[in-house]
Amino acid sequence: MIRSDAGSCPRVSNRARDRNTLSTLYIWQQRGFFMGHLPDIAEHRLGAAALCMGLDRPFAVLESEASVWRQGRSVLIPPGCLHEARIDGAVMAILFVEPESQDYLTLKDAMLDGEWQCLYGLPDELKLLNALRELWRRDADAGAISDLLDRLIPTSGGEDRQLLDERVRRVMELMKADLNRSHSLEELARHVNLSPTRLVHLFKEQVGVPIRRFRQWHRMRVVAASIAKGSTLTDAALGAGFSDSSHFSRAFRNMFGMAPSSIFGRAANVRIVIA
């Protein structure tokens, strides 16, 4: 479980504060958490799992396999699930967890309902939403957010059930060690003595997303962290391994269903906290 260090000072992007409109993106080593207003979100596939919670009202999700929109106050979106969302400016809390993590397994077990890929309804949903609304109202720091998330996803008392194939784990570690480098599929396969075709299938089976999307997801995290430290969006994208700003913009839209300016633009009024 990753917690913010109470003895350290989190990095915060230098943006003017207006509590009526300010949204916040918190980034930990294994989790990300967004709280704030969001528009409707176009069709997209995330590179991680996302627990989406409507703080002030329900929102609606349409999965690619479904023919009707479904409303909810808490919805777990699995990694790689093609979906879109009707939010219409509501205040949302979104917890991002790594697809290979114990956090994701714990959340999957907790959800109460689901017909397709998405799962709906947390236990004690109203209690959690009330706690999140209070944190939003008082502009809580990263430590308070982390404490609440640790109560939501308690540390497992048993051994980790997410038994990734060691070869997949080694490929993930190799990519994360140098995200600025675009390892070829052949390089990654040689690293673990697999054929490229076998690696592609094994990685998707184990992690839930293709290798390329996994790498892009972690590059997005690097971009956000760089912006929090003062980089421009273009410099942050180049430093994370995107070939240019257009490449980053396309990848961001495919990953999140919105333009990068919705989060990183000055008008978006989003604060980024590296905890």
Protein backbone atom coordinates (compact mmCIF):
# COMPACT_ATOMS: atom_id res chain seq x y z
CA MET A 1 0.00 0.00 0.00
CA ILE A 2 1.43 3.37 -1.00
CA ARG A 3 0.84 6.25 1.40
CA SER A 4 2.00 9.84 1.21
CA ASP A 5 4.87 10.60 3.56
CA ALA A 6 3.59 12.90 6.29
CA GLY A 7 7.09 14.16 6.85
CA SER A 8 7.61 15.35 3.30
CA CYS A 9 6.17 18.28 1.39
CA PRO A 10 4.17 17.19 -1.70
CA ARG A 11 4.92 19.00 -4.96
CA VAL A 12 2.05 21.15 -6.14
CA SER A 13 1.69 22.82 -9.52
CA ASN A 14 1.72 26.60 -9.31
CA ARG A 15 -1.85 27.52 -10.27
CA ALA A 16 -4.16 30.21 -8.92
CA ARG A 17 -6.59 28.71 -6.40
CA ASP A 18 -10.34 29.11 -6.69
CA ARG A 19 -12.19 26.50 -4.62
CA ASN A 20 -15.37 26.91 -6.67
CA THR A 21 -13.71 25.55 -9.81
CA LEU A 22 -10.38 24.04 -8.78
CA SER A 23 -9.91 20.33 -9.42
CA THR A 24 -6.99 18.29 -8.08
CA LEU A 25 -5.00 15.37 -9.46
CA TYR A 26 -3.04 13.48 -6.80
CA ILE A 27 -0.28 11.10 -7.94
CA TRP A 28 1.26 8.40 -5.77
CA GLN A 29 3.61 5.62 -6.85
CA GLN A 30 0.87 3.04 -7.39
CA ARG A 31 -2.30 5.16 -7.46
CA GLY A 32 -3.73 8.28 -8.97
CA PHE A 33 -6.76 10.19 -7.72
CA PHE A 34 -8.72 12.98 -9.40
CA MET A 35 -11.37 15.05 -7.67
CA GLY A 36 -13.23 17.83 -9.43
CA HIS A 37 -15.64 18.83 -12.17
CA LEU A 38 -15.60 16.90 -15.44
CA PRO A 39 -17.42 17.27 -18.76
CA ASP A 40 -18.96 14.41 -20.73
CA ILE A 41 -16.21 12.01 -21.80
CA ALA A 42 -16.03 10.53 -25.29
CA GLU A 43 -15.34 6.88 -26.08
CA HIS A 44 -11.93 5.78 -24.80
CA ARG A 45 -9.88 2.96 -23.26
CA LEU A 46 -7.92 3.54 -20.06
CA GLY A 47 -4.52 2.00 -19.42
CA ALA A 48 -5.44 1.31 -15.80
CA ALA A 49 -8.53 0.46 -13.78
CA ALA A 50 -10.64 3.39 -12.59
CA LEU A 51 -13.15 3.59 -9.76
CA CYS A 52 -15.41 6.50 -10.73
CA MET A 53 -17.65 8.11 -8.10
CA GLY A 54 -20.23 10.85 -8.58
CA LEU A 55 -20.03 13.08 -5.51
CA ASP A 56 -23.04 15.30 -6.13
CA ARG A 57 -25.22 13.18 -8.43
CA PRO A 58 -25.27 9.98 -10.51
CA PHE A 59 -23.50 9.76 -13.85
CA ALA A 60 -24.02 7.37 -16.76
CA VAL A 61 -21.70 4.91 -18.52
CA LEU A 62 -22.08 3.23 -21.90
CA GLU A 63 -19.92 0.17 -22.51
CA SER A 64 -19.10 -0.88 -26.04
CA GLU A 65 -20.88 -4.23 -25.56
CA ALA A 66 -24.02 -2.63 -24.12
CA SER A 67 -26.86 -0.92 -25.96
CA VAL A 68 -28.12 1.26 -23.12
CA TRP A 69 -26.58 3.78 -20.75
CA ARG A 70 -26.44 2.75 -17.11
CA GLN A 71 -26.49 5.20 -14.21
CA GLY A 72 -24.56 4.83 -11.00
CA ARG A 73 -22.80 6.64 -8.20
CA SER A 74 -19.80 4.28 -8.10
CA VAL A 75 -18.54 2.36 -11.14
CA LEU A 76 -15.35 0.31 -11.56
CA ILE A 77 -14.04 0.59 -15.13
CA PRO A 78 -11.65 -2.29 -15.97
CA PRO A 79 -8.41 -1.58 -17.84
CA GLY A 80 -8.84 -1.52 -21.60
CA CYS A 81 -12.66 -1.35 -21.47
CA LEU A 82 -14.06 0.74 -24.34
CA HIS A 83 -16.64 3.10 -22.83
CA GLU A 84 -17.93 6.66 -22.65
CA ALA A 85 -19.49 8.65 -19.83
CA ARG A 86 -22.17 11.32 -19.38
CA ILE A 87 -21.05 13.54 -16.51
CA ASP A 88 -22.21 17.02 -17.55
CA GLY A 89 -19.98 19.01 -15.21
CA ALA A 90 -20.67 17.01 -12.05
CA VAL A 91 -18.09 16.73 -9.29
CA MET A 92 -16.32 13.38 -9.69
CA ALA A 93 -13.79 11.42 -7.67
CA ILE A 94 -11.79 8.94 -9.75
CA LEU A 95 -9.30 6.49 -8.28
CA PHE A 96 -6.83 5.02 -10.79
CA VAL A 97 -5.14 1.75 -9.80
CA GLU A 98 -2.61 -0.32 -11.71
CA PRO A 99 -4.20 -3.21 -13.64
CA GLU A 100 -1.81 -5.77 -12.15
CA SER A 101 -2.24 -4.54 -8.56
CA GLN A 102 -3.82 -6.06 -5.48
CA ASP A 103 -5.85 -2.83 -5.23
CA TYR A 104 -7.69 -3.74 -8.42
CA LEU A 105 -8.50 -7.27 -7.24
CA THR A 106 -9.79 -5.93 -3.93
CA LEU A 107 -12.05 -3.42 -5.66
CA LYS A 108 -13.36 -6.05 -8.10
CA ASP A 109 -14.31 -8.28 -5.18
CA ALA A 110 -16.07 -5.41 -3.42
CA MET A 111 -18.37 -4.23 -6.23
CA LEU A 112 -21.97 -5.41 -5.97
CA ASP A 113 -23.25 -5.66 -9.54
CA GLY A 114 -22.29 -5.76 -13.21
CA GLU A 115 -23.67 -7.15 -16.46
CA TRP A 116 -20.77 -6.60 -18.86
CA GLN A 117 -17.24 -5.44 -18.04
CA CYS A 118 -17.95 -2.52 -15.70
CA LEU A 119 -18.93 -3.22 -12.11
CA TYR A 120 -21.37 -1.08 -10.13
CA GLY A 121 -22.08 -0.22 -6.52
CA LEU A 122 -19.60 -0.12 -3.65
CA PRO A 123 -20.66 -1.40 -0.24
CA ASP A 124 -21.42 1.52 2.09
CA GLU A 125 -21.51 3.72 -1.00
CA LEU A 126 -23.36 6.60 0.66
CA LYS A 127 -20.93 6.69 3.60
CA LEU A 128 -17.94 6.84 1.25
CA LEU A 129 -19.50 9.54 -0.94
CA ASN A 130 -20.27 11.66 2.13
CA ALA A 131 -16.65 11.31 3.29
CA LEU A 132 -15.35 12.29 -0.15
CA ARG A 133 -17.68 15.28 -0.35
CA GLU A 134 -16.34 16.48 2.98
CA LEU A 135 -12.75 16.14 1.74
CA TRP A 136 -13.71 18.06 -1.41
CA ARG A 137 -15.45 20.77 0.63
CA ARG A 138 -12.44 21.40 2.88
CA ASP A 139 -9.83 20.95 0.14
CA ALA A 140 -8.12 18.08 1.95
CA ASP A 141 -4.41 17.41 1.56
CA ALA A 142 -2.85 14.28 0.02
CA GLY A 143 -2.45 12.62 3.42
CA ALA A 144 -6.17 12.79 4.20
CA ILE A 145 -7.02 11.46 0.74
CA SER A 146 -4.53 8.61 1.14
CA ASP A 147 -5.92 7.68 4.56
CA LEU A 148 -9.44 7.42 3.13
CA LEU A 149 -8.25 5.32 0.19
CA ASP A 150 -6.42 2.97 2.56
CA ARG A 151 -9.69 2.44 4.43
CA LEU A 152 -11.50 1.85 1.14
CA ILE A 153 -8.87 -0.67 -0.03
CA PRO A 154 -7.50 -2.34 3.11
CA THR A 155 -4.23 -4.23 2.95
CA SER A 156 -4.88 -7.91 2.29
CA GLY A 157 -4.21 -10.18 5.24
CA GLY A 158 -3.18 -13.04 3.00
CA GLU A 159 -0.64 -13.42 0.25
CA ASP A 160 -0.94 -11.42 -2.94
CA ARG A 161 -3.39 -13.19 -5.24
CA GLN A 162 -2.18 -11.32 -8.31
CA LEU A 163 0.41 -13.84 -9.45
CA LEU A 164 1.82 -12.25 -12.57
CA ASP A 165 3.94 -14.39 -14.81
CA GLU A 166 7.54 -13.49 -13.98
CA ARG A 167 8.25 -12.80 -17.65
CA VAL A 168 5.44 -10.25 -17.81
CA ARG A 169 6.69 -8.62 -14.62
CA ARG A 170 10.20 -8.34 -16.06
CA VAL A 171 8.88 -6.72 -19.25
CA MET A 172 6.89 -4.21 -17.19
CA GLU A 173 9.94 -3.37 -15.09
CA LEU A 174 12.11 -2.92 -18.18
CA MET A 175 9.67 -0.46 -19.75
CA LYS A 176 9.08 1.52 -16.55
CA ALA A 177 12.83 1.81 -15.94
CA ASP A 178 13.23 3.88 -19.13
CA LEU A 179 9.87 5.18 -20.37
CA ASN A 180 11.57 7.64 -22.71
CA ARG A 181 12.80 4.68 -24.74
CA SER A 182 10.39 2.89 -27.07
CA HIS A 183 11.53 -0.70 -26.78
CA SER A 184 10.54 -2.71 -29.83
CA LEU A 185 8.36 -5.77 -29.38
CA GLU A 186 11.29 -7.89 -30.51
CA GLU A 187 13.55 -6.36 -27.82
CA LEU A 188 10.99 -7.01 -25.10
CA ALA A 189 10.42 -10.58 -26.27
CA ARG A 190 14.16 -11.32 -26.36
CA HIS A 191 14.49 -9.95 -22.83
CA VAL A 192 12.29 -12.78 -21.53
CA ASN A 193 13.05 -15.46 -24.14
CA LEU A 194 9.59 -15.47 -25.70
CA SER A 195 8.42 -15.08 -29.26
CA PRO A 196 6.87 -11.65 -29.96
CA THR A 197 3.49 -13.26 -30.64
CA ARG A 198 3.53 -15.19 -27.37
CA LEU A 199 4.55 -12.11 -25.40
CA VAL A 200 1.72 -10.03 -26.91
CA HIS A 201 -0.89 -12.61 -25.91
CA LEU A 202 0.57 -13.32 -22.48
CA PHE A 203 0.89 -9.64 -21.56
CA LYS A 204 -2.70 -8.81 -22.59
CA GLU A 205 -4.03 -11.89 -20.80
CA GLN A 206 -2.22 -11.06 -17.56
CA VAL A 207 -2.42 -7.27 -17.44
CA GLY A 208 -5.65 -6.57 -19.33
CA VAL A 209 -4.18 -4.03 -21.74
CA PRO A 210 -1.69 -4.31 -24.63
CA ILE A 211 1.98 -3.50 -24.11
CA ARG A 212 1.71 -0.20 -25.98
CA ARG A 213 -1.20 1.06 -23.88
CA PHE A 214 0.52 0.04 -20.67
CA ARG A 215 3.61 2.04 -21.69
CA GLN A 216 1.51 5.05 -22.70
CA TRP A 217 -0.34 4.99 -19.38
CA HIS A 218 2.92 5.22 -17.45
CA ARG A 219 4.18 7.93 -19.78
CA MET A 220 1.04 9.94 -18.99
CA ARG A 221 1.96 9.74 -15.30
CA VAL A 222 5.43 11.10 -16.11
CA VAL A 223 3.90 13.97 -18.08
CA ALA A 224 1.65 14.96 -15.17
CA ALA A 225 4.55 14.80 -12.71
CA SER A 226 6.74 16.95 -14.98
CA ILE A 227 4.02 19.59 -15.34
CA ALA A 228 3.65 19.68 -11.55
CA LYS A 229 7.37 20.48 -11.37
CA GLY A 230 7.00 23.38 -13.79
CA SER A 231 7.55 21.91 -17.26
CA THR A 232 5.49 23.02 -20.22
CA LEU A 233 3.11 20.44 -21.69
CA THR A 234 5.25 20.10 -24.82
CA ASP A 235 8.50 19.61 -22.89
CA ALA A 236 6.82 17.16 -20.51
CA ALA A 237 5.44 15.10 -23.41
CA LEU A 238 8.80 14.97 -25.19
CA GLY A 239 10.58 14.07 -21.96
CA ALA A 240 8.19 11.16 -21.38
CA GLY A 241 8.88 9.60 -24.76
CA PHE A 242 6.15 11.01 -26.99
CA SER A 243 7.51 11.98 -30.41
CA ASP A 244 5.79 15.39 -30.45
CA SER A 245 2.80 17.26 -29.01
CA SER A 246 0.45 15.86 -31.66
CA HIS A 247 1.44 12.31 -30.75
CA PHE A 248 0.76 13.07 -27.08
CA SER A 249 -2.58 14.72 -27.86
CA ARG A 250 -3.81 11.72 -29.87
CA ALA A 251 -2.69 9.29 -27.19
CA PHE A 252 -4.34 11.37 -24.45
CA ARG A 253 -7.68 11.51 -26.32
CA ASN A 254 -7.60 7.75 -26.89
CA MET A 255 -6.74 7.12 -23.25
CA PHE A 256 -9.08 9.62 -21.52
CA GLY A 257 -11.72 10.64 -24.06
CA MET A 258 -10.89 14.36 -23.87
CA ALA A 259 -8.27 16.84 -25.03
CA PRO A 260 -5.15 17.34 -22.87
CA SER A 261 -6.19 20.97 -22.37
CA SER A 262 -9.17 19.71 -20.33
CA ILE A 263 -6.70 18.74 -17.59
CA PHE A 264 -3.43 20.52 -18.32
CA GLY A 265 -4.61 23.76 -19.95
CA ARG A 266 -4.58 26.96 -17.90
CA ALA A 267 -8.33 27.36 -18.25
CA ALA A 268 -8.88 23.87 -16.80
CA ASN A 269 -7.74 25.09 -13.36
CA VAL A 270 -6.43 21.69 -12.26
CA ARG A 271 -3.88 21.45 -9.46
CA ILE A 272 -1.42 18.53 -9.62
CA VAL A 273 -0.03 17.11 -6.37
CA ILE A 274 2.88 14.63 -6.38
CA ALA A 275 2.55 12.92 -3.01
